[in-house]
Amino acid sequence: MDEFKQGIKDGGAIGIGYFSVSFTFGIAAVASGLDWWQALVVSVMNVTSAGQFAGITIMSAAGSYIEMAISQFIINLRYALMSISLSQKVTREFHTPKKMLLGFCVTDEIFAVAMSREGEVSSKYFAGLIVLPILGWHLGTVSGAILGDVLPNNIVSALGLAIYGMFIAIVVPVTKKNRNVLLIVLLAVALSFCLYYLPGLNQISGGFAIIICAVIASAIGAWLFPVKEEAEEEETHE
């Protein structure tokens, strides 16, 4: 139970950030023609900001199922990479049914917090970690869908920036403790700038750009700063 409570505590900041972002999504969903309950269904079945915003854009444009499937696959493919990486850090009691159930809630920020935790990640901790983010995501969607017209536009726009500040708050403490992580983060940022600004490369979709940056940066990090296996570390200490 202590690990579950710690997970809830660690997920608090994510929950606050998700409320603001999903509030904006709720507004956009209703503006595109969805009812508030339909916007909530989209959030419950996806839990991904980029995918959901792209989804309602295709819906409002009367796009085809194929367009929807391809766009969601490209945008959300990075979660497969995150899940593979996270599966190497979980405890042995984190069996397949739990992975399938809790893995549905893997997001950029939840992944970052789980991976930055010292030691292995238990199913109890991860279950606690996703409680407030999921709650914030769904409540924010409903609130934005129902109350979005009440708030001024400048406040709504400001709410959309909250997730970036939240993600910085997750990454910065880790980079302060580990210089290697800082170098890899800077490399990923540099790659992201290249994919966004350089002619030709800026035609790559946002979803693929994230995947490319993550794969290249992590591969270089694994090559330059390999992590010793526990067995090797024990032999060294002996």
C-alpha atoms as a PDB file:
ATOM      1  CA  MET A   1       0.000   0.000   0.000  1.00  0.00           C
ATOM      2  CA  ASP A   2       2.937   2.346   0.645  1.00  0.00           C
ATOM      3  CA  GLU A   3       4.049   1.985  -2.971  1.00  0.00           C
ATOM      4  CA  PHE A   4       0.511   2.717  -4.169  1.00  0.00           C
ATOM      5  CA  LYS A   5       0.399   5.895  -2.083  1.00  0.00           C
ATOM      6  CA  GLN A   6       3.825   6.934  -3.336  1.00  0.00           C
ATOM      7  CA  GLY A   7       2.603   6.428  -6.882  1.00  0.00           C
ATOM      8  CA  ILE A   8      -0.390   8.682  -6.229  1.00  0.00           C
ATOM      9  CA  LYS A   9       1.913  11.322  -4.756  1.00  0.00           C
ATOM     10  CA  ASP A  10       4.275  11.193  -7.740  1.00  0.00           C
ATOM     11  CA  GLY A  11       1.379  11.438 -10.187  1.00  0.00           C
ATOM     12  CA  GLY A  12      -0.153  14.536  -8.613  1.00  0.00           C
ATOM     13  CA  ALA A  13       1.671  17.062 -10.783  1.00  0.00           C
ATOM     14  CA  ILE A  14       0.831  15.083 -13.908  1.00  0.00           C
ATOM     15  CA  GLY A  15      -2.850  15.048 -12.954  1.00  0.00           C
ATOM     16  CA  ILE A  16      -2.907  18.847 -12.629  1.00  0.00           C
ATOM     17  CA  GLY A  17      -1.184  19.284 -15.973  1.00  0.00           C
ATOM     18  CA  TYR A  18      -3.507  16.815 -17.671  1.00  0.00           C
ATOM     19  CA  PHE A  19      -6.575  18.616 -16.361  1.00  0.00           C
ATOM     20  CA  SER A  20      -5.542  21.824 -18.107  1.00  0.00           C
ATOM     21  CA  VAL A  21      -4.644  20.119 -21.384  1.00  0.00           C
ATOM     22  CA  SER A  22      -7.792  17.978 -21.531  1.00  0.00           C
ATOM     23  CA  PHE A  23      -9.843  21.074 -20.653  1.00  0.00           C
ATOM     24  CA  THR A  24      -8.616  22.554 -23.923  1.00  0.00           C
ATOM     25  CA  PHE A  25      -9.426  19.298 -25.697  1.00  0.00           C
ATOM     26  CA  GLY A  26     -12.969  19.353 -24.318  1.00  0.00           C
ATOM     27  CA  ILE A  27     -13.468  22.823 -25.777  1.00  0.00           C
ATOM     28  CA  ALA A  28     -12.047  21.783 -29.154  1.00  0.00           C
ATOM     29  CA  ALA A  29     -14.143  18.606 -29.242  1.00  0.00           C
ATOM     30  CA  VAL A  30     -17.419  20.463 -28.679  1.00  0.00           C
ATOM     31  CA  ALA A  31     -16.391  23.133 -31.195  1.00  0.00           C
ATOM     32  CA  SER A  32     -15.855  20.371 -33.768  1.00  0.00           C
ATOM     33  CA  GLY A  33     -19.416  19.128 -33.286  1.00  0.00           C
ATOM     34  CA  LEU A  34     -19.172  16.483 -30.543  1.00  0.00           C
ATOM     35  CA  ASP A  35     -21.419  16.369 -27.479  1.00  0.00           C
ATOM     36  CA  TRP A  36     -19.767  16.548 -24.053  1.00  0.00           C
ATOM     37  CA  TRP A  37     -20.294  12.829 -23.431  1.00  0.00           C
ATOM     38  CA  GLN A  38     -18.799  11.966 -26.824  1.00  0.00           C
ATOM     39  CA  ALA A  39     -15.718  14.036 -25.952  1.00  0.00           C
ATOM     40  CA  LEU A  40     -15.449  12.086 -22.698  1.00  0.00           C
ATOM     41  CA  VAL A  41     -15.696   8.751 -24.548  1.00  0.00           C
ATOM     42  CA  VAL A  42     -12.824   9.826 -26.813  1.00  0.00           C
ATOM     43  CA  SER A  43     -10.676  10.665 -23.775  1.00  0.00           C
ATOM     44  CA  VAL A  44     -11.522   7.428 -21.971  1.00  0.00           C
ATOM     45  CA  MET A  45     -10.633   5.307 -25.000  1.00  0.00           C
ATOM     46  CA  ASN A  46      -7.414   7.119 -25.957  1.00  0.00           C
ATOM     47  CA  VAL A  47      -5.585   9.022 -23.185  1.00  0.00           C
ATOM     48  CA  THR A  48      -3.341  10.794 -25.683  1.00  0.00           C
ATOM     49  CA  SER A  49      -3.532  14.511 -26.393  1.00  0.00           C
ATOM     50  CA  ALA A  50      -1.941  14.545 -29.860  1.00  0.00           C
ATOM     51  CA  GLY A  51      -3.961  11.540 -31.003  1.00  0.00           C
ATOM     52  CA  GLN A  52      -7.232  12.945 -29.714  1.00  0.00           C
ATOM     53  CA  PHE A  53      -6.758  16.389 -31.249  1.00  0.00           C
ATOM     54  CA  ALA A  54      -5.865  14.766 -34.565  1.00  0.00           C
ATOM     55  CA  GLY A  55      -8.856  12.462 -34.216  1.00  0.00           C
ATOM     56  CA  ILE A  56     -11.465  15.187 -33.773  1.00  0.00           C
ATOM     57  CA  THR A  57      -9.916  17.091 -36.688  1.00  0.00           C
ATOM     58  CA  ILE A  58     -10.472  14.073 -38.932  1.00  0.00           C
ATOM     59  CA  MET A  59     -13.983  13.600 -37.525  1.00  0.00           C
ATOM     60  CA  SER A  60     -14.973  17.210 -38.207  1.00  0.00           C
ATOM     61  CA  ALA A  61     -13.608  16.908 -41.754  1.00  0.00           C
ATOM     62  CA  ALA A  62     -15.615  13.690 -42.299  1.00  0.00           C
ATOM     63  CA  GLY A  63     -12.448  11.710 -42.879  1.00  0.00           C
ATOM     64  CA  SER A  64     -12.375   7.989 -43.571  1.00  0.00           C
ATOM     65  CA  TYR A  65     -11.647   5.171 -41.133  1.00  0.00           C
ATOM     66  CA  ILE A  66      -8.399   4.478 -42.966  1.00  0.00           C
ATOM     67  CA  GLU A  67      -7.233   8.068 -42.452  1.00  0.00           C
ATOM     68  CA  MET A  68      -8.102   7.807 -38.781  1.00  0.00           C
ATOM     69  CA  ALA A  69      -6.303   4.469 -38.354  1.00  0.00           C
ATOM     70  CA  ILE A  70      -3.125   5.616 -40.119  1.00  0.00           C
ATOM     71  CA  SER A  71      -2.930   8.933 -38.268  1.00  0.00           C
ATOM     72  CA  GLN A  72      -3.455   7.312 -34.866  1.00  0.00           C
ATOM     73  CA  PHE A  73      -0.899   4.613 -35.629  1.00  0.00           C
ATOM     74  CA  ILE A  74       1.759   7.147 -36.598  1.00  0.00           C
ATOM     75  CA  ILE A  75       1.079   9.564 -33.750  1.00  0.00           C
ATOM     76  CA  ASN A  76       0.879   6.914 -31.023  1.00  0.00           C
ATOM     77  CA  LEU A  77       3.589   4.512 -32.195  1.00  0.00           C
ATOM     78  CA  ARG A  78       6.020   6.016 -29.687  1.00  0.00           C
ATOM     79  CA  TYR A  79       4.030   4.490 -26.838  1.00  0.00           C
ATOM     80  CA  ALA A  80       5.019   1.053 -28.077  1.00  0.00           C
ATOM     81  CA  LEU A  81       8.675   2.021 -27.691  1.00  0.00           C
ATOM     82  CA  MET A  82       8.009   3.431 -24.227  1.00  0.00           C
ATOM     83  CA  SER A  83       6.201   0.280 -23.141  1.00  0.00           C
ATOM     84  CA  ILE A  84       9.016  -1.944 -24.373  1.00  0.00           C
ATOM     85  CA  SER A  85      11.538   0.126 -22.444  1.00  0.00           C
ATOM     86  CA  LEU A  86       9.387   0.233 -19.312  1.00  0.00           C
ATOM     87  CA  SER A  87       8.820  -3.536 -19.412  1.00  0.00           C
ATOM     88  CA  GLN A  88      12.534  -3.984 -18.663  1.00  0.00           C
ATOM     89  CA  LYS A  89      12.198  -2.040 -15.421  1.00  0.00           C
ATOM     90  CA  VAL A  90       9.095  -3.602 -13.833  1.00  0.00           C
ATOM     91  CA  THR A  91       9.140  -6.239 -11.104  1.00  0.00           C
ATOM     92  CA  ARG A  92       8.536  -9.939 -11.749  1.00  0.00           C
ATOM     93  CA  GLU A  93       5.059  -9.822 -10.226  1.00  0.00           C
ATOM     94  CA  PHE A  94       4.043  -7.362 -12.959  1.00  0.00           C
ATOM     95  CA  HIS A  95       2.472 -10.171 -15.006  1.00  0.00           C
ATOM     96  CA  THR A  96       1.034  -9.924 -18.521  1.00  0.00           C
ATOM     97  CA  PRO A  97      -2.610  -9.187 -17.502  1.00  0.00           C
ATOM     98  CA  LYS A  98      -1.422  -6.283 -15.359  1.00  0.00           C
ATOM     99  CA  LYS A  99       0.831  -5.040 -18.157  1.00  0.00           C
ATOM    100  CA  MET A 100      -2.071  -5.100 -20.612  1.00  0.00           C
ATOM    101  CA  LEU A 101      -4.413  -3.280 -18.221  1.00  0.00           C
ATOM    102  CA  LEU A 102      -2.025  -0.692 -16.786  1.00  0.00           C
ATOM    103  CA  GLY A 103      -0.011  -0.335 -19.992  1.00  0.00           C
ATOM    104  CA  PHE A 104      -3.039   1.285 -21.617  1.00  0.00           C
ATOM    105  CA  CYS A 105      -2.297   4.326 -19.453  1.00  0.00           C
ATOM    106  CA  VAL A 106       1.328   4.795 -20.514  1.00  0.00           C
ATOM    107  CA  THR A 107       1.893   8.407 -21.583  1.00  0.00           C
ATOM    108  CA  ASP A 108       5.001  10.533 -22.076  1.00  0.00           C
ATOM    109  CA  GLU A 109       4.885  11.977 -18.574  1.00  0.00           C
ATOM    110  CA  ILE A 110       3.878   8.772 -16.773  1.00  0.00           C
ATOM    111  CA  PHE A 111       6.666   6.954 -18.600  1.00  0.00           C
ATOM    112  CA  ALA A 112       9.191   9.639 -17.602  1.00  0.00           C
ATOM    113  CA  VAL A 113       8.264   9.456 -13.918  1.00  0.00           C
ATOM    114  CA  ALA A 114       8.244   5.642 -13.853  1.00  0.00           C
ATOM    115  CA  MET A 115      11.632   5.398 -15.578  1.00  0.00           C
ATOM    116  CA  SER A 116      13.189   8.011 -13.289  1.00  0.00           C
ATOM    117  CA  ARG A 117      12.163   6.058 -10.170  1.00  0.00           C
ATOM    118  CA  GLU A 118      15.066   4.355  -8.448  1.00  0.00           C
ATOM    119  CA  GLY A 119      14.903   0.580  -8.561  1.00  0.00           C
ATOM    120  CA  GLU A 120      12.185  -1.513 -10.159  1.00  0.00           C
ATOM    121  CA  VAL A 121       8.613  -0.408 -10.762  1.00  0.00           C
ATOM    122  CA  SER A 122       5.931  -2.514  -9.099  1.00  0.00           C
ATOM    123  CA  SER A 123       2.363  -2.863 -10.320  1.00  0.00           C
ATOM    124  CA  LYS A 124       1.101  -1.204  -7.113  1.00  0.00           C
ATOM    125  CA  TYR A 125       3.300   1.843  -7.668  1.00  0.00           C
ATOM    126  CA  PHE A 126       2.335   2.134 -11.324  1.00  0.00           C
ATOM    127  CA  ALA A 127      -1.362   1.737 -10.494  1.00  0.00           C
ATOM    128  CA  GLY A 128      -1.048   4.594  -8.017  1.00  0.00           C
ATOM    129  CA  LEU A 129       0.939   6.659 -10.492  1.00  0.00           C
ATOM    130  CA  ILE A 130      -1.821   6.623 -13.114  1.00  0.00           C
ATOM    131  CA  VAL A 131      -4.774   7.391 -10.781  1.00  0.00           C
ATOM    132  CA  LEU A 132      -4.568  11.202 -10.678  1.00  0.00           C
ATOM    133  CA  PRO A 133      -3.407  11.665 -14.287  1.00  0.00           C
ATOM    134  CA  ILE A 134      -6.335   9.595 -15.612  1.00  0.00           C
ATOM    135  CA  LEU A 135      -8.770  11.318 -13.250  1.00  0.00           C
ATOM    136  CA  GLY A 136      -7.433  14.733 -14.241  1.00  0.00           C
ATOM    137  CA  TRP A 137      -7.637  13.839 -17.921  1.00  0.00           C
ATOM    138  CA  HIS A 138     -11.270  12.780 -17.781  1.00  0.00           C
ATOM    139  CA  LEU A 139     -12.452  15.559 -15.457  1.00  0.00           C
ATOM    140  CA  GLY A 140     -10.646  18.141 -17.575  1.00  0.00           C
ATOM    141  CA  THR A 141     -12.335  16.866 -20.725  1.00  0.00           C
ATOM    142  CA  VAL A 142     -15.809  17.069 -19.194  1.00  0.00           C
ATOM    143  CA  SER A 143     -15.118  20.478 -17.653  1.00  0.00           C
ATOM    144  CA  GLY A 144     -13.826  21.910 -20.914  1.00  0.00           C
ATOM    145  CA  ALA A 145     -16.698  20.447 -22.924  1.00  0.00           C
ATOM    146  CA  ILE A 146     -19.340  21.855 -20.580  1.00  0.00           C
ATOM    147  CA  LEU A 147     -17.760  25.068 -19.263  1.00  0.00           C
ATOM    148  CA  GLY A 148     -15.360  26.017 -22.046  1.00  0.00           C
ATOM    149  CA  ASP A 149     -17.436  28.938 -23.280  1.00  0.00           C
ATOM    150  CA  VAL A 150     -17.387  30.543 -19.836  1.00  0.00           C
ATOM    151  CA  LEU A 151     -13.624  31.267 -19.685  1.00  0.00           C
ATOM    152  CA  PRO A 152     -11.862  34.015 -21.686  1.00  0.00           C
ATOM    153  CA  ASN A 153      -9.762  32.880 -24.653  1.00  0.00           C
ATOM    154  CA  ASN A 154      -6.469  34.025 -23.089  1.00  0.00           C
ATOM    155  CA  ILE A 155      -7.017  31.794 -20.055  1.00  0.00           C
ATOM    156  CA  VAL A 156      -7.912  28.831 -22.256  1.00  0.00           C
ATOM    157  CA  SER A 157      -4.724  29.359 -24.283  1.00  0.00           C
ATOM    158  CA  ALA A 158      -2.647  29.556 -21.101  1.00  0.00           C
ATOM    159  CA  LEU A 159      -4.061  26.247 -19.886  1.00  0.00           C
ATOM    160  CA  GLY A 160      -2.704  24.572 -23.005  1.00  0.00           C
ATOM    161  CA  LEU A 161       0.866  25.502 -22.018  1.00  0.00           C
ATOM    162  CA  ALA A 162       0.702  23.851 -18.601  1.00  0.00           C
ATOM    163  CA  ILE A 163       1.735  20.414 -19.850  1.00  0.00           C
ATOM    164  CA  TYR A 164       5.062  21.753 -21.168  1.00  0.00           C
ATOM    165  CA  GLY A 165       5.940  23.236 -17.784  1.00  0.00           C
ATOM    166  CA  MET A 166       4.935  19.970 -16.134  1.00  0.00           C
ATOM    167  CA  PHE A 167       7.153  17.911 -18.435  1.00  0.00           C
ATOM    168  CA  ILE A 168      10.106  20.239 -17.774  1.00  0.00           C
ATOM    169  CA  ALA A 169       9.526  19.789 -14.044  1.00  0.00           C
ATOM    170  CA  ILE A 170       9.789  16.011 -14.527  1.00  0.00           C
ATOM    171  CA  VAL A 171      12.926  16.014 -16.662  1.00  0.00           C
ATOM    172  CA  VAL A 172      15.047  18.747 -15.041  1.00  0.00           C
ATOM    173  CA  PRO A 173      15.554  17.090 -11.602  1.00  0.00           C
ATOM    174  CA  VAL A 174      16.830  13.904 -13.275  1.00  0.00           C
ATOM    175  CA  THR A 175      19.247  15.813 -15.504  1.00  0.00           C
ATOM    176  CA  LYS A 176      20.652  17.609 -12.460  1.00  0.00           C
ATOM    177  CA  LYS A 177      21.517  14.295 -10.832  1.00  0.00           C
ATOM    178  CA  ASN A 178      22.924  12.570 -13.910  1.00  0.00           C
ATOM    179  CA  ARG A 179      25.145  14.359 -16.434  1.00  0.00           C
ATOM    180  CA  ASN A 180      24.730  11.531 -18.940  1.00  0.00           C
ATOM    181  CA  VAL A 181      20.965  12.006 -18.958  1.00  0.00           C
ATOM    182  CA  LEU A 182      21.462  15.744 -19.497  1.00  0.00           C
ATOM    183  CA  LEU A 183      23.614  15.103 -22.566  1.00  0.00           C
ATOM    184  CA  ILE A 184      21.041  12.727 -24.056  1.00  0.00           C
ATOM    185  CA  VAL A 185      18.226  15.201 -23.397  1.00  0.00           C
ATOM    186  CA  LEU A 186      20.199  17.968 -25.133  1.00  0.00           C
ATOM    187  CA  LEU A 187      20.860  15.628 -28.052  1.00  0.00           C
ATOM    188  CA  ALA A 188      17.145  14.841 -28.351  1.00  0.00           C
ATOM    189  CA  VAL A 189      16.342  18.571 -28.260  1.00  0.00           C
ATOM    190  CA  ALA A 190      18.889  19.257 -31.010  1.00  0.00           C
ATOM    191  CA  LEU A 191      17.431  16.489 -33.159  1.00  0.00           C
ATOM    192  CA  SER A 192      13.935  17.843 -32.581  1.00  0.00           C
ATOM    193  CA  PHE A 193      15.031  21.303 -33.740  1.00  0.00           C
ATOM    194  CA  CYS A 194      16.541  19.805 -36.890  1.00  0.00           C
ATOM    195  CA  LEU A 195      13.377  17.872 -37.711  1.00  0.00           C
ATOM    196  CA  TYR A 196      11.265  20.971 -37.141  1.00  0.00           C
ATOM    197  CA  TYR A 197      13.277  23.644 -38.939  1.00  0.00           C
ATOM    198  CA  LEU A 198      15.462  22.034 -41.624  1.00  0.00           C
ATOM    199  CA  PRO A 199      13.947  21.967 -45.129  1.00  0.00           C
ATOM    200  CA  GLY A 200      12.825  18.488 -46.111  1.00  0.00           C
ATOM    201  CA  LEU A 201      13.042  17.139 -42.586  1.00  0.00           C
ATOM    202  CA  ASN A 202      10.268  19.465 -41.423  1.00  0.00           C
ATOM    203  CA  GLN A 203       7.866  17.527 -43.640  1.00  0.00           C
ATOM    204  CA  ILE A 204       8.047  14.573 -41.245  1.00  0.00           C
ATOM    205  CA  SER A 205       4.931  14.240 -39.088  1.00  0.00           C
ATOM    206  CA  GLY A 206       5.089  15.079 -35.396  1.00  0.00           C
ATOM    207  CA  GLY A 207       4.504  11.485 -34.364  1.00  0.00           C
ATOM    208  CA  PHE A 208       7.357  10.120 -36.463  1.00  0.00           C
ATOM    209  CA  ALA A 209       9.612  13.013 -35.417  1.00  0.00           C
ATOM    210  CA  ILE A 210       9.218  12.044 -31.761  1.00  0.00           C
ATOM    211  CA  ILE A 211       9.976   8.408 -32.544  1.00  0.00           C
ATOM    212  CA  ILE A 212      13.081   9.308 -34.572  1.00  0.00           C
ATOM    213  CA  CYS A 213      14.432  11.582 -31.832  1.00  0.00           C
ATOM    214  CA  ALA A 214      13.752   9.002 -29.126  1.00  0.00           C
ATOM    215  CA  VAL A 215      15.330   6.096 -31.019  1.00  0.00           C
ATOM    216  CA  ILE A 216      18.460   7.979 -32.106  1.00  0.00           C
ATOM    217  CA  ALA A 217      19.042   9.678 -28.748  1.00  0.00           C
ATOM    218  CA  SER A 218      18.476   6.494 -26.739  1.00  0.00           C
ATOM    219  CA  ALA A 219      20.655   4.417 -29.091  1.00  0.00           C
ATOM    220  CA  ILE A 220      23.535   6.891 -28.791  1.00  0.00           C
ATOM    221  CA  GLY A 221      23.025   7.022 -25.042  1.00  0.00           C
ATOM    222  CA  ALA A 222      23.158   3.227 -24.779  1.00  0.00           C
ATOM    223  CA  TRP A 223      26.342   3.199 -26.875  1.00  0.00           C
ATOM    224  CA  LEU A 224      28.151   5.990 -25.018  1.00  0.00           C
ATOM    225  CA  PHE A 225      26.871   5.309 -21.500  1.00  0.00           C
ATOM    226  CA  PRO A 226      26.086   1.569 -21.177  1.00  0.00           C
ATOM    227  CA  VAL A 227      24.433   0.494 -17.940  1.00  0.00           C
ATOM    228  CA  LYS A 228      26.148  -2.393 -16.176  1.00  0.00           C
ATOM    229  CA  GLU A 229      24.112  -5.463 -15.399  1.00  0.00           C
ATOM    230  CA  GLU A 230      23.438  -6.190 -11.725  1.00  0.00           C
ATOM    231  CA  ALA A 231      25.538  -9.343 -11.894  1.00  0.00           C
ATOM    232  CA  GLU A 232      28.532  -7.419 -13.224  1.00  0.00           C
ATOM    233  CA  GLU A 233      28.148  -4.793 -10.515  1.00  0.00           C
ATOM    234  CA  GLU A 234      28.053  -7.480  -7.799  1.00  0.00           C
ATOM    235  CA  GLU A 235      31.228  -9.085  -9.183  1.00  0.00           C
ATOM    236  CA  THR A 236      32.920  -5.703  -9.173  1.00  0.00           C
ATOM    237  CA  HIS A 237      32.033  -5.099  -5.523  1.00  0.00           C
ATOM    238  CA  GLU A 238      33.282  -8.579  -4.571  1.00  0.00           C
END
